[in-house]
Amino acid sequence: MDLYTWLPLLIYILLGAGVAAALFSLSLIGRRRPNAVKDLPFESGILTVQPARQRFSIDFYLTAMLFIVFDIELAFLYPLAVVLRDFGTVAVVELVVFMAILTAALAYIWRKRALEWR
């Protein structure tokens, strides 16, 4: 292997490590001014006023699971689209069947009102 082919990667790694080391060392030598506002828990722009161990509605989990299912299923479309021209009619039929299954699943959860936030 030639060193010049690995040189850009080596430079990228060294620059990344250098920036990380510089930021870490600057955080150690910086001034510390603690106050009550900075010590409050903060998430997504909202101050927490409820206990951290509250129970979530089942709608939250249902929406999250549906998002994950459709997101993962749609991730399978990219490899199929890449080889669509190479496999010809077989890939097109498989794509149509896959999209029909996705559409049927979406129609089913829509009919069951699983997409409505209550």
PDB file of N, CA and C in Angstrom:
ATOM      1  N   MET A   1       0.835  -1.189   0.000  1.00  0.00           N
ATOM      2  CA  MET A   1       0.000   0.000   0.000  1.00  0.00           C
ATOM      3  C   MET A   1       0.873   1.244   0.000  1.00  0.00           C
ATOM      4  N   ASP A   2       0.416   2.195  -0.739  1.00  0.00           N
ATOM      5  CA  ASP A   2       1.109   3.461  -0.823  1.00  0.00           C
ATOM      6  C   ASP A   2       0.629   4.383   0.289  1.00  0.00           C
ATOM      7  N   LEU A   3       1.554   5.090   0.927  1.00  0.00           N
ATOM      8  CA  LEU A   3       1.197   5.976   2.033  1.00  0.00           C
ATOM      9  C   LEU A   3       0.330   7.136   1.553  1.00  0.00           C
ATOM     10  N   TYR A   4       0.504   7.557   0.327  1.00  0.00           N
ATOM     11  CA  TYR A   4      -0.254   8.705  -0.184  1.00  0.00           C
ATOM     12  C   TYR A   4      -1.742   8.409  -0.335  1.00  0.00           C
ATOM     13  N   THR A   5      -2.111   7.149  -0.456  1.00  0.00           N
ATOM     14  CA  THR A   5      -3.541   6.839  -0.537  1.00  0.00           C
ATOM     15  C   THR A   5      -4.199   6.939   0.838  1.00  0.00           C
ATOM     16  N   TRP A   6      -3.430   6.727   1.904  1.00  0.00           N
ATOM     17  CA  TRP A   6      -3.956   6.800   3.263  1.00  0.00           C
ATOM     18  C   TRP A   6      -3.735   8.163   3.912  1.00  0.00           C
ATOM     19  N   LEU A   7      -2.969   9.027   3.261  1.00  0.00           N
ATOM     20  CA  LEU A   7      -2.640  10.332   3.840  1.00  0.00           C
ATOM     21  C   LEU A   7      -3.866  11.202   4.127  1.00  0.00           C
ATOM     22  N   PRO A   8      -4.856  11.324   3.234  1.00  0.00           N
ATOM     23  CA  PRO A   8      -6.033  12.147   3.572  1.00  0.00           C
ATOM     24  C   PRO A   8      -6.791  11.623   4.794  1.00  0.00           C
ATOM     25  N   LEU A   9      -6.907  10.306   4.907  1.00  0.00           N
ATOM     26  CA  LEU A   9      -7.587   9.734   6.066  1.00  0.00           C
ATOM     27  C   LEU A   9      -6.798   9.997   7.344  1.00  0.00           C
ATOM     28  N   LEU A  10      -5.494   9.872   7.282  1.00  0.00           N
ATOM     29  CA  LEU A  10      -4.654  10.145   8.436  1.00  0.00           C
ATOM     30  C   LEU A  10      -4.760  11.606   8.865  1.00  0.00           C
ATOM     31  N   ILE A  11      -4.754  12.511   7.911  1.00  0.00           N
ATOM     32  CA  ILE A  11      -4.902  13.939   8.221  1.00  0.00           C
ATOM     33  C   ILE A  11      -6.267  14.209   8.847  1.00  0.00           C
ATOM     34  N   TYR A  12      -7.306  13.594   8.318  1.00  0.00           N
ATOM     35  CA  TYR A  12      -8.664  13.764   8.851  1.00  0.00           C
ATOM     36  C   TYR A  12      -8.752  13.265  10.292  1.00  0.00           C
ATOM     37  N   ILE A  13      -8.161  12.113  10.564  1.00  0.00           N
ATOM     38  CA  ILE A  13      -8.183  11.561  11.923  1.00  0.00           C
ATOM     39  C   ILE A  13      -7.383  12.444  12.871  1.00  0.00           C
ATOM     40  N   LEU A  14      -6.217  12.906  12.450  1.00  0.00           N
ATOM     41  CA  LEU A  14      -5.402  13.766  13.303  1.00  0.00           C
ATOM     42  C   LEU A  14      -6.094  15.101  13.579  1.00  0.00           C
ATOM     43  N   LEU A  15      -6.734  15.672  12.575  1.00  0.00           N
ATOM     44  CA  LEU A  15      -7.464  16.935  12.798  1.00  0.00           C
ATOM     45  C   LEU A  15      -8.637  16.723  13.749  1.00  0.00           C
ATOM     46  N   GLY A  16      -9.367  15.641  13.592  1.00  0.00           N
ATOM     47  CA  GLY A  16     -10.483  15.351  14.491  1.00  0.00           C
ATOM     48  C   GLY A  16     -10.020  15.155  15.922  1.00  0.00           C
ATOM     49  N   ALA A  17      -8.940  14.401  16.093  1.00  0.00           N
ATOM     50  CA  ALA A  17      -8.398  14.184  17.440  1.00  0.00           C
ATOM     51  C   ALA A  17      -7.863  15.487  18.022  1.00  0.00           C
ATOM     52  N   GLY A  18      -7.259  16.322  17.186  1.00  0.00           N
ATOM     53  CA  GLY A  18      -6.739  17.607  17.657  1.00  0.00           C
ATOM     54  C   GLY A  18      -7.848  18.543  18.111  1.00  0.00           C
ATOM     55  N   VAL A  19      -8.928  18.606  17.342  1.00  0.00           N
ATOM     56  CA  VAL A  19     -10.056  19.454  17.733  1.00  0.00           C
ATOM     57  C   VAL A  19     -10.689  18.938  19.019  1.00  0.00           C
ATOM     58  N   ALA A  20     -10.855  17.629  19.139  1.00  0.00           N
ATOM     59  CA  ALA A  20     -11.433  17.054  20.358  1.00  0.00           C
ATOM     60  C   ALA A  20     -10.543  17.339  21.561  1.00  0.00           C
ATOM     61  N   ALA A  21      -9.240  17.171  21.416  1.00  0.00           N
ATOM     62  CA  ALA A  21      -8.310  17.438  22.522  1.00  0.00           C
ATOM     63  C   ALA A  21      -8.313  18.914  22.893  1.00  0.00           C
ATOM     64  N   ALA A  22      -8.368  19.796  21.898  1.00  0.00           N
ATOM     65  CA  ALA A  22      -8.384  21.240  22.178  1.00  0.00           C
ATOM     66  C   ALA A  22      -9.660  21.641  22.915  1.00  0.00           C
ATOM     67  N   LEU A  23     -10.798  21.139  22.492  1.00  0.00           N
ATOM     68  CA  LEU A  23     -12.045  21.478  23.164  1.00  0.00           C
ATOM     69  C   LEU A  23     -12.081  20.927  24.586  1.00  0.00           C
ATOM     70  N   PHE A  24     -11.573  19.721  24.772  1.00  0.00           N
ATOM     71  CA  PHE A  24     -11.545  19.139  26.109  1.00  0.00           C
ATOM     72  C   PHE A  24     -10.620  19.934  27.034  1.00  0.00           C
ATOM     73  N   SER A  25      -9.438  20.292  26.545  1.00  0.00           N
ATOM     74  CA  SER A  25      -8.506  21.046  27.391  1.00  0.00           C
ATOM     75  C   SER A  25      -9.033  22.451  27.675  1.00  0.00           C
ATOM     76  N   LEU A  26      -9.698  23.069  26.718  1.00  0.00           N
ATOM     77  CA  LEU A  26     -10.286  24.389  26.973  1.00  0.00           C
ATOM     78  C   LEU A  26     -11.415  24.310  27.990  1.00  0.00           C
ATOM     79  N   SER A  27     -12.145  23.214  28.013  1.00  0.00           N
ATOM     80  CA  SER A  27     -13.212  23.088  29.000  1.00  0.00           C
ATOM     81  C   SER A  27     -12.650  22.901  30.409  1.00  0.00           C
ATOM     82  N   LEU A  28     -11.462  22.355  30.514  1.00  0.00           N
ATOM     83  CA  LEU A  28     -10.849  22.169  31.830  1.00  0.00           C
ATOM     84  C   LEU A  28     -10.293  23.466  32.397  1.00  0.00           C
ATOM     85  N   ILE A  29      -9.823  24.368  31.530  1.00  0.00           N
ATOM     86  CA  ILE A  29      -9.213  25.600  32.029  1.00  0.00           C
ATOM     87  C   ILE A  29     -10.190  26.766  32.060  1.00  0.00           C
ATOM     88  N   GLY A  30     -11.407  26.542  31.609  1.00  0.00           N
ATOM     89  CA  GLY A  30     -12.397  27.624  31.589  1.00  0.00           C
ATOM     90  C   GLY A  30     -12.888  27.980  32.986  1.00  0.00           C
ATOM     91  N   ARG A  31     -13.497  29.185  33.105  1.00  0.00           N
ATOM     92  CA  ARG A  31     -14.045  29.620  34.384  1.00  0.00           C
ATOM     93  C   ARG A  31     -15.316  28.857  34.702  1.00  0.00           C
ATOM     94  N   ARG A  32     -15.500  28.592  35.972  1.00  0.00           N
ATOM     95  CA  ARG A  32     -16.718  27.923  36.416  1.00  0.00           C
ATOM     96  C   ARG A  32     -17.540  28.915  37.221  1.00  0.00           C
ATOM     97  N   ARG A  33     -18.728  29.203  36.727  1.00  0.00           N
ATOM     98  CA  ARG A  33     -19.635  30.106  37.428  1.00  0.00           C
ATOM     99  C   ARG A  33     -20.957  29.384  37.647  1.00  0.00           C
ATOM    100  N   PRO A  34     -21.030  28.568  38.688  1.00  0.00           N
ATOM    101  CA  PRO A  34     -22.280  27.823  38.905  1.00  0.00           C
ATOM    102  C   PRO A  34     -23.396  28.757  39.370  1.00  0.00           C
ATOM    103  N   ASN A  35     -24.600  28.489  38.901  1.00  0.00           N
ATOM    104  CA  ASN A  35     -25.767  29.190  39.413  1.00  0.00           C
ATOM    105  C   ASN A  35     -26.960  28.250  39.356  1.00  0.00           C
ATOM    106  N   ALA A  36     -28.042  28.655  39.970  1.00  0.00           N
ATOM    107  CA  ALA A  36     -29.207  27.771  40.099  1.00  0.00           C
ATOM    108  C   ALA A  36     -29.864  27.484  38.758  1.00  0.00           C
ATOM    109  N   VAL A  37     -29.859  28.432  37.847  1.00  0.00           N
ATOM    110  CA  VAL A  37     -30.522  28.243  36.553  1.00  0.00           C
ATOM    111  C   VAL A  37     -29.781  27.210  35.711  1.00  0.00           C
ATOM    112  N   LYS A  38     -28.459  27.236  35.747  1.00  0.00           N
ATOM    113  CA  LYS A  38     -27.681  26.281  34.957  1.00  0.00           C
ATOM    114  C   LYS A  38     -27.769  24.865  35.498  1.00  0.00           C
ATOM    115  N   ASP A  39     -28.119  24.717  36.760  1.00  0.00           N
ATOM    116  CA  ASP A  39     -28.213  23.390  37.357  1.00  0.00           C
ATOM    117  C   ASP A  39     -29.574  22.740  37.165  1.00  0.00           C
ATOM    118  N   LEU A  40     -30.539  23.460  36.596  1.00  0.00           N
ATOM    119  CA  LEU A  40     -31.866  22.885  36.373  1.00  0.00           C
ATOM    120  C   LEU A  40     -31.837  21.886  35.225  1.00  0.00           C
ATOM    121  N   PRO A  41     -32.574  20.779  35.333  1.00  0.00           N
ATOM    122  CA  PRO A  41     -32.664  19.860  34.186  1.00  0.00           C
ATOM    123  C   PRO A  41     -33.423  20.532  33.046  1.00  0.00           C
ATOM    124  N   PHE A  42     -32.943  20.333  31.840  1.00  0.00           N
ATOM    125  CA  PHE A  42     -33.474  21.039  30.673  1.00  0.00           C
ATOM    126  C   PHE A  42     -33.508  20.070  29.509  1.00  0.00           C
ATOM    127  N   GLU A  43     -34.678  19.967  28.861  1.00  0.00           N
ATOM    128  CA  GLU A  43     -34.759  19.052  27.732  1.00  0.00           C
ATOM    129  C   GLU A  43     -35.699  19.625  26.686  1.00  0.00           C
ATOM    130  N   SER A  44     -35.234  19.734  25.495  1.00  0.00           N
ATOM    131  CA  SER A  44     -36.018  20.163  24.339  1.00  0.00           C
ATOM    132  C   SER A  44     -36.648  21.543  24.537  1.00  0.00           C
ATOM    133  N   GLY A  45     -35.970  22.410  25.222  1.00  0.00           N
ATOM    134  CA  GLY A  45     -36.457  23.769  25.390  1.00  0.00           C
ATOM    135  C   GLY A  45     -37.543  23.913  26.431  1.00  0.00           C
ATOM    136  N   ILE A  46     -37.811  22.874  27.197  1.00  0.00           N
ATOM    137  CA  ILE A  46     -38.885  22.916  28.187  1.00  0.00           C
ATOM    138  C   ILE A  46     -38.294  22.577  29.544  1.00  0.00           C
ATOM    139  N   LEU A  47     -38.564  23.416  30.523  1.00  0.00           N
ATOM    140  CA  LEU A  47     -38.137  23.101  31.873  1.00  0.00           C
ATOM    141  C   LEU A  47     -39.017  21.987  32.420  1.00  0.00           C
ATOM    142  N   THR A  48     -38.405  21.074  33.137  1.00  0.00           N
ATOM    143  CA  THR A  48     -39.170  19.961  33.681  1.00  0.00           C
ATOM    144  C   THR A  48     -39.880  20.403  34.953  1.00  0.00           C
ATOM    145  N   VAL A  49     -41.179  20.190  34.982  1.00  0.00           N
ATOM    146  CA  VAL A  49     -41.971  20.526  36.161  1.00  0.00           C
ATOM    147  C   VAL A  49     -42.663  19.289  36.712  1.00  0.00           C
ATOM    148  N   GLN A  50     -42.553  18.187  36.012  1.00  0.00           N
ATOM    149  CA  GLN A  50     -43.155  16.936  36.446  1.00  0.00           C
ATOM    150  C   GLN A  50     -42.050  15.964  36.829  1.00  0.00           C
ATOM    151  N   PRO A  51     -42.382  14.945  37.588  1.00  0.00           N
ATOM    152  CA  PRO A  51     -41.347  13.963  37.941  1.00  0.00           C
ATOM    153  C   PRO A  51     -40.817  13.240  36.701  1.00  0.00           C
ATOM    154  N   ALA A  52     -39.580  12.837  36.779  1.00  0.00           N
ATOM    155  CA  ALA A  52     -38.934  12.185  35.631  1.00  0.00           C
ATOM    156  C   ALA A  52     -39.499  10.800  35.346  1.00  0.00           C
ATOM    157  N   ARG A  53     -40.070  10.148  36.326  1.00  0.00           N
ATOM    158  CA  ARG A  53     -40.570   8.788  36.165  1.00  0.00           C
ATOM    159  C   ARG A  53     -42.071   8.748  35.903  1.00  0.00           C
ATOM    160  N   GLN A  54     -42.556   9.633  35.066  1.00  0.00           N
ATOM    161  CA  GLN A  54     -43.987   9.628  34.761  1.00  0.00           C
ATOM    162  C   GLN A  54     -44.294   8.565  33.711  1.00  0.00           C
ATOM    163  N   ARG A  55     -45.513   8.108  33.673  1.00  0.00           N
ATOM    164  CA  ARG A  55     -45.935   7.083  32.715  1.00  0.00           C
ATOM    165  C   ARG A  55     -46.385   7.751  31.423  1.00  0.00           C
ATOM    166  N   PHE A  56     -45.981   7.170  30.312  1.00  0.00           N
ATOM    167  CA  PHE A  56     -46.389   7.670  29.011  1.00  0.00           C
ATOM    168  C   PHE A  56     -47.651   6.951  28.559  1.00  0.00           C
ATOM    169  N   SER A  57     -48.423   7.635  27.756  1.00  0.00           N
ATOM    170  CA  SER A  57     -49.616   7.040  27.176  1.00  0.00           C
ATOM    171  C   SER A  57     -49.217   5.965  26.169  1.00  0.00           C
ATOM    172  N   ILE A  58     -50.093   4.996  25.980  1.00  0.00           N
ATOM    173  CA  ILE A  58     -49.830   3.940  25.001  1.00  0.00           C
ATOM    174  C   ILE A  58     -49.770   4.517  23.585  1.00  0.00           C
ATOM    175  N   ASP A  59     -50.431   5.635  23.351  1.00  0.00           N
ATOM    176  CA  ASP A  59     -50.390   6.277  22.033  1.00  0.00           C
ATOM    177  C   ASP A  59     -48.970   6.683  21.661  1.00  0.00           C
ATOM    178  N   PHE A  60     -48.201   7.112  22.649  1.00  0.00           N
ATOM    179  CA  PHE A  60     -46.812   7.494  22.390  1.00  0.00           C
ATOM    180  C   PHE A  60     -46.030   6.300  21.846  1.00  0.00           C
ATOM    181  N   TYR A  61     -46.145   5.153  22.511  1.00  0.00           N
ATOM    182  CA  TYR A  61     -45.417   3.962  22.089  1.00  0.00           C
ATOM    183  C   TYR A  61     -45.934   3.432  20.755  1.00  0.00           C
ATOM    184  N   LEU A  62     -47.232   3.486  20.537  1.00  0.00           N
ATOM    185  CA  LEU A  62     -47.808   3.018  19.281  1.00  0.00           C
ATOM    186  C   LEU A  62     -47.305   3.864  18.114  1.00  0.00           C
ATOM    187  N   THR A  63     -47.287   5.173  18.299  1.00  0.00           N
ATOM    188  CA  THR A  63     -46.783   6.057  17.245  1.00  0.00           C
ATOM    189  C   THR A  63     -45.302   5.797  16.985  1.00  0.00           C
ATOM    190  N   ALA A  64     -44.536   5.603  18.034  1.00  0.00           N
ATOM    191  CA  ALA A  64     -43.103   5.340  17.870  1.00  0.00           C
ATOM    192  C   ALA A  64     -42.871   4.023  17.139  1.00  0.00           C
ATOM    193  N   MET A  65     -43.625   2.988  17.494  1.00  0.00           N
ATOM    194  CA  MET A  65     -43.446   1.696  16.822  1.00  0.00           C
ATOM    195  C   MET A  65     -43.867   1.756  15.363  1.00  0.00           C
ATOM    196  N   LEU A  66     -44.952   2.466  15.068  1.00  0.00           N
ATOM    197  CA  LEU A  66     -45.363   2.590  13.672  1.00  0.00           C
ATOM    198  C   LEU A  66     -44.326   3.351  12.858  1.00  0.00           C
ATOM    199  N   PHE A  67     -43.752   4.381  13.452  1.00  0.00           N
ATOM    200  CA  PHE A  67     -42.708   5.125  12.748  1.00  0.00           C
ATOM    201  C   PHE A  67     -41.516   4.220  12.455  1.00  0.00           C
ATOM    202  N   ILE A  68     -41.090   3.450  13.435  1.00  0.00           N
ATOM    203  CA  ILE A  68     -39.935   2.573  13.237  1.00  0.00           C
ATOM    204  C   ILE A  68     -40.230   1.523  12.167  1.00  0.00           C
ATOM    205  N   VAL A  69     -41.425   0.937  12.214  1.00  0.00           N
ATOM    206  CA  VAL A  69     -41.780  -0.093  11.230  1.00  0.00           C
ATOM    207  C   VAL A  69     -41.749   0.477   9.816  1.00  0.00           C
ATOM    208  N   PHE A  70     -42.413   1.614   9.603  1.00  0.00           N
ATOM    209  CA  PHE A  70     -42.443   2.177   8.256  1.00  0.00           C
ATOM    210  C   PHE A  70     -41.082   2.716   7.847  1.00  0.00           C
ATOM    211  N   ASP A  71     -40.313   3.217   8.774  1.00  0.00           N
ATOM    212  CA  ASP A  71     -38.986   3.724   8.450  1.00  0.00           C
ATOM    213  C   ASP A  71     -38.074   2.589   8.002  1.00  0.00           C
ATOM    214  N   ILE A  72     -38.101   1.484   8.701  1.00  0.00           N
ATOM    215  CA  ILE A  72     -37.258   0.345   8.332  1.00  0.00           C
ATOM    216  C   ILE A  72     -37.725  -0.276   7.017  1.00  0.00           C
ATOM    217  N   GLU A  73     -39.033  -0.361   6.835  1.00  0.00           N
ATOM    218  CA  GLU A  73     -39.528  -0.923   5.577  1.00  0.00           C
ATOM    219  C   GLU A  73     -39.135  -0.044   4.393  1.00  0.00           C
ATOM    220  N   LEU A  74     -39.200   1.253   4.569  1.00  0.00           N
ATOM    221  CA  LEU A  74     -38.810   2.129   3.472  1.00  0.00           C
ATOM    222  C   LEU A  74     -37.306   2.110   3.234  1.00  0.00           C
ATOM    223  N   ALA A  75     -36.533   1.747   4.236  1.00  0.00           N
ATOM    224  CA  ALA A  75     -35.090   1.621   4.038  1.00  0.00           C
ATOM    225  C   ALA A  75     -34.762   0.466   3.099  1.00  0.00           C
ATOM    226  N   PHE A  76     -35.654  -0.505   2.996  1.00  0.00           N
ATOM    227  CA  PHE A  76     -35.437  -1.618   2.078  1.00  0.00           C
ATOM    228  C   PHE A  76     -35.706  -1.224   0.624  1.00  0.00           C
ATOM    229  N   LEU A  77     -36.343  -0.103   0.403  1.00  0.00           N
ATOM    230  CA  LEU A  77     -36.617   0.323  -0.968  1.00  0.00           C
ATOM    231  C   LEU A  77     -35.353   0.777  -1.700  1.00  0.00           C
ATOM    232  N   TYR A  78     -34.392   1.347  -0.990  1.00  0.00           N
ATOM    233  CA  TYR A  78     -33.196   1.856  -1.647  1.00  0.00           C
ATOM    234  C   TYR A  78     -32.380   0.750  -2.333  1.00  0.00           C
ATOM    235  N   PRO A  79     -32.050  -0.358  -1.629  1.00  0.00           N
ATOM    236  CA  PRO A  79     -31.306  -1.407  -2.346  1.00  0.00           C
ATOM    237  C   PRO A  79     -32.076  -1.979  -3.525  1.00  0.00           C
ATOM    238  N   LEU A  80     -33.391  -2.055  -3.391  1.00  0.00           N
ATOM    239  CA  LEU A  80     -34.192  -2.565  -4.502  1.00  0.00           C
ATOM    240  C   LEU A  80     -34.162  -1.598  -5.680  1.00  0.00           C
ATOM    241  N   ALA A  81     -34.211  -0.318  -5.387  1.00  0.00           N
ATOM    242  CA  ALA A  81     -34.154   0.672  -6.469  1.00  0.00           C
ATOM    243  C   ALA A  81     -32.799   0.677  -7.155  1.00  0.00           C
ATOM    244  N   VAL A  82     -31.737   0.350  -6.424  1.00  0.00           N
ATOM    245  CA  VAL A  82     -30.403   0.321  -7.022  1.00  0.00           C
ATOM    246  C   VAL A  82     -30.282  -0.807  -8.038  1.00  0.00           C
ATOM    247  N   VAL A  83     -30.862  -1.963  -7.742  1.00  0.00           N
ATOM    248  CA  VAL A  83     -30.725  -3.112  -8.631  1.00  0.00           C
ATOM    249  C   VAL A  83     -31.937  -3.277  -9.549  1.00  0.00           C
ATOM    250  N   LEU A  84     -32.813  -2.314  -9.575  1.00  0.00           N
ATOM    251  CA  LEU A  84     -34.044  -2.432 -10.356  1.00  0.00           C
ATOM    252  C   LEU A  84     -33.760  -2.671 -11.842  1.00  0.00           C
ATOM    253  N   ARG A  85     -32.828  -1.936 -12.386  1.00  0.00           N
ATOM    254  CA  ARG A  85     -32.531  -2.069 -13.817  1.00  0.00           C
ATOM    255  C   ARG A  85     -31.838  -3.396 -14.124  1.00  0.00           C
ATOM    256  N   ASP A  86     -31.011  -3.887 -13.194  1.00  0.00           N
ATOM    257  CA  ASP A  86     -30.274  -5.131 -13.433  1.00  0.00           C
ATOM    258  C   ASP A  86     -31.188  -6.357 -13.426  1.00  0.00           C
ATOM    259  N   PHE A  87     -32.190  -6.364 -12.549  1.00  0.00           N
ATOM    260  CA  PHE A  87     -33.056  -7.529 -12.422  1.00  0.00           C
ATOM    261  C   PHE A  87     -34.315  -7.444 -13.278  1.00  0.00           C
ATOM    262  N   GLY A  88     -34.602  -6.290 -13.811  1.00  0.00           N
ATOM    263  CA  GLY A  88     -35.700  -6.149 -14.761  1.00  0.00           C
ATOM    264  C   GLY A  88     -37.073  -6.368 -14.169  1.00  0.00           C
ATOM    265  N   THR A  89     -37.866  -7.200 -14.826  1.00  0.00           N
ATOM    266  CA  THR A  89     -39.276  -7.394 -14.480  1.00  0.00           C
ATOM    267  C   THR A  89     -39.455  -8.003 -13.095  1.00  0.00           C
ATOM    268  N   VAL A  90     -38.566  -8.883 -12.709  1.00  0.00           N
ATOM    269  CA  VAL A  90     -38.673  -9.522 -11.392  1.00  0.00           C
ATOM    270  C   VAL A  90     -38.606  -8.474 -10.289  1.00  0.00           C
ATOM    271  N   ALA A  91     -37.680  -7.532 -10.403  1.00  0.00           N
ATOM    272  CA  ALA A  91     -37.539  -6.490  -9.390  1.00  0.00           C
ATOM    273  C   ALA A  91     -38.735  -5.549  -9.392  1.00  0.00           C
ATOM    274  N   VAL A  92     -39.282  -5.250 -10.564  1.00  0.00           N
ATOM    275  CA  VAL A  92     -40.448  -4.368 -10.643  1.00  0.00           C
ATOM    276  C   VAL A  92     -41.657  -5.031  -9.979  1.00  0.00           C
ATOM    277  N   VAL A  93     -41.859  -6.315 -10.240  1.00  0.00           N
ATOM    278  CA  VAL A  93     -42.967  -7.039  -9.609  1.00  0.00           C
ATOM    279  C   VAL A  93     -42.773  -7.085  -8.101  1.00  0.00           C
ATOM    280  N   GLU A  94     -41.562  -7.357  -7.666  1.00  0.00           N
ATOM    281  CA  GLU A  94     -41.285  -7.386  -6.234  1.00  0.00           C
ATOM    282  C   GLU A  94     -41.522  -6.016  -5.600  1.00  0.00           C
ATOM    283  N   LEU A  95     -41.133  -4.957  -6.294  1.00  0.00           N
ATOM    284  CA  LEU A  95     -41.361  -3.600  -5.795  1.00  0.00           C
ATOM    285  C   LEU A  95     -42.849  -3.294  -5.692  1.00  0.00           C
ATOM    286  N   VAL A  96     -43.630  -3.693  -6.679  1.00  0.00           N
ATOM    287  CA  VAL A  96     -45.072  -3.458  -6.653  1.00  0.00           C
ATOM    288  C   VAL A  96     -45.727  -4.234  -5.514  1.00  0.00           C
ATOM    289  N   VAL A  97     -45.326  -5.481  -5.302  1.00  0.00           N
ATOM    290  CA  VAL A  97     -45.882  -6.279  -4.204  1.00  0.00           C
ATOM    291  C   VAL A  97     -45.509  -5.659  -2.860  1.00  0.00           C
ATOM    292  N   PHE A  98     -44.274  -5.242  -2.724  1.00  0.00           N
ATOM    293  CA  PHE A  98     -43.819  -4.625  -1.481  1.00  0.00           C
ATOM    294  C   PHE A  98     -44.592  -3.339  -1.188  1.00  0.00           C
ATOM    295  N   MET A  99     -44.776  -2.515  -2.202  1.00  0.00           N
ATOM    296  CA  MET A  99     -45.522  -1.270  -2.011  1.00  0.00           C
ATOM    297  C   MET A  99     -46.997  -1.549  -1.721  1.00  0.00           C
ATOM    298  N   ALA A 100     -47.549  -2.608  -2.296  1.00  0.00           N
ATOM    299  CA  ALA A 100     -48.940  -2.975  -2.003  1.00  0.00           C
ATOM    300  C   ALA A 100     -49.097  -3.403  -0.546  1.00  0.00           C
ATOM    301  N   ILE A 101     -48.127  -4.151  -0.041  1.00  0.00           N
ATOM    302  CA  ILE A 101     -48.163  -4.555   1.371  1.00  0.00           C
ATOM    303  C   ILE A 101     -48.051  -3.334   2.273  1.00  0.00           C
ATOM    304  N   LEU A 102     -47.159  -2.415   1.941  1.00  0.00           N
ATOM    305  CA  LEU A 102     -47.028  -1.184   2.726  1.00  0.00           C
ATOM    306  C   LEU A 102     -48.308  -0.367   2.698  1.00  0.00           C
ATOM    307  N   THR A 103     -48.918  -0.252   1.530  1.00  0.00           N
ATOM    308  CA  THR A 103     -50.161   0.515   1.405  1.00  0.00           C
ATOM    309  C   THR A 103     -51.284  -0.148   2.179  1.00  0.00           C
ATOM    310  N   ALA A 104     -51.370  -1.466   2.127  1.00  0.00           N
ATOM    311  CA  ALA A 104     -52.402  -2.173   2.889  1.00  0.00           C
ATOM    312  C   ALA A 104     -52.201  -1.990   4.389  1.00  0.00           C
ATOM    313  N   ALA A 105     -50.953  -2.039   4.851  1.00  0.00           N
ATOM    314  CA  ALA A 105     -50.673  -1.833   6.270  1.00  0.00           C
ATOM    315  C   ALA A 105     -51.031  -0.419   6.691  1.00  0.00           C
ATOM    316  N   LEU A 106     -50.706   0.554   5.862  1.00  0.00           N
ATOM    317  CA  LEU A 106     -51.052   1.939   6.175  1.00  0.00           C
ATOM    318  C   LEU A 106     -52.562   2.137   6.199  1.00  0.00           C
ATOM    319  N   ALA A 107     -53.269   1.546   5.257  1.00  0.00           N
ATOM    320  CA  ALA A 107     -54.735   1.648   5.245  1.00  0.00           C
ATOM    321  C   ALA A 107     -55.338   0.995   6.482  1.00  0.00           C
ATOM    322  N   TYR A 108     -54.763  -0.119   6.915  1.00  0.00           N
ATOM    323  CA  TYR A 108     -55.278  -0.814   8.096  1.00  0.00           C
ATOM    324  C   TYR A 108     -55.099   0.035   9.355  1.00  0.00           C
ATOM    325  N   ILE A 109     -53.900   0.579   9.552  1.00  0.00           N
ATOM    326  CA  ILE A 109     -53.699   1.364  10.769  1.00  0.00           C
ATOM    327  C   ILE A 109     -54.433   2.695  10.698  1.00  0.00           C
ATOM    328  N   TRP A 110     -54.672   3.191   9.503  1.00  0.00           N
ATOM    329  CA  TRP A 110     -55.461   4.409   9.363  1.00  0.00           C
ATOM    330  C   TRP A 110     -56.924   4.123   9.726  1.00  0.00           C
ATOM    331  N   ARG A 111     -57.434   2.984   9.264  1.00  0.00           N
ATOM    332  CA  ARG A 111     -58.820   2.607   9.561  1.00  0.00           C
ATOM    333  C   ARG A 111     -59.009   2.339  11.056  1.00  0.00           C
ATOM    334  N   LYS A 112     -57.992   1.801  11.712  1.00  0.00           N
ATOM    335  CA  LYS A 112     -58.051   1.541  13.152  1.00  0.00           C
ATOM    336  C   LYS A 112     -57.787   2.803  13.978  1.00  0.00           C
ATOM    337  N   ARG A 113     -57.566   3.923  13.313  1.00  0.00           N
ATOM    338  CA  ARG A 113     -57.304   5.230  13.939  1.00  0.00           C
ATOM    339  C   ARG A 113     -56.075   5.209  14.838  1.00  0.00           C
ATOM    340  N   ALA A 114     -55.066   4.464  14.405  1.00  0.00           N
ATOM    341  CA  ALA A 114     -53.831   4.400  15.185  1.00  0.00           C
ATOM    342  C   ALA A 114     -52.954   5.623  14.968  1.00  0.00           C
ATOM    343  N   LEU A 115     -53.218   6.400  13.938  1.00  0.00           N
ATOM    344  CA  LEU A 115     -52.410   7.583  13.647  1.00  0.00           C
ATOM    345  C   LEU A 115     -52.962   8.835  14.308  1.00  0.00           C
ATOM    346  N   GLU A 116     -54.105   8.736  14.962  1.00  0.00           N
ATOM    347  CA  GLU A 116     -54.679   9.912  15.621  1.00  0.00           C
ATOM    348  C   GLU A 116     -54.143  10.024  17.034  1.00  0.00           C
ATOM    349  N   TRP A 117     -53.694  11.199  17.374  1.00  0.00           N
ATOM    350  CA  TRP A 117     -53.163  11.447  18.709  1.00  0.00           C
ATOM    351  C   TRP A 117     -54.323  11.805  19.635  1.00  0.00           C
ATOM    352  N   ARG A 118     -54.556  10.990  20.641  1.00  0.00           N
ATOM    353  CA  ARG A 118     -55.655  11.246  21.591  1.00  0.00           C
ATOM    354  C   ARG A 118     -55.166  11.823  22.868  1.00  0.00           C
TER     355      ARG A 118
END
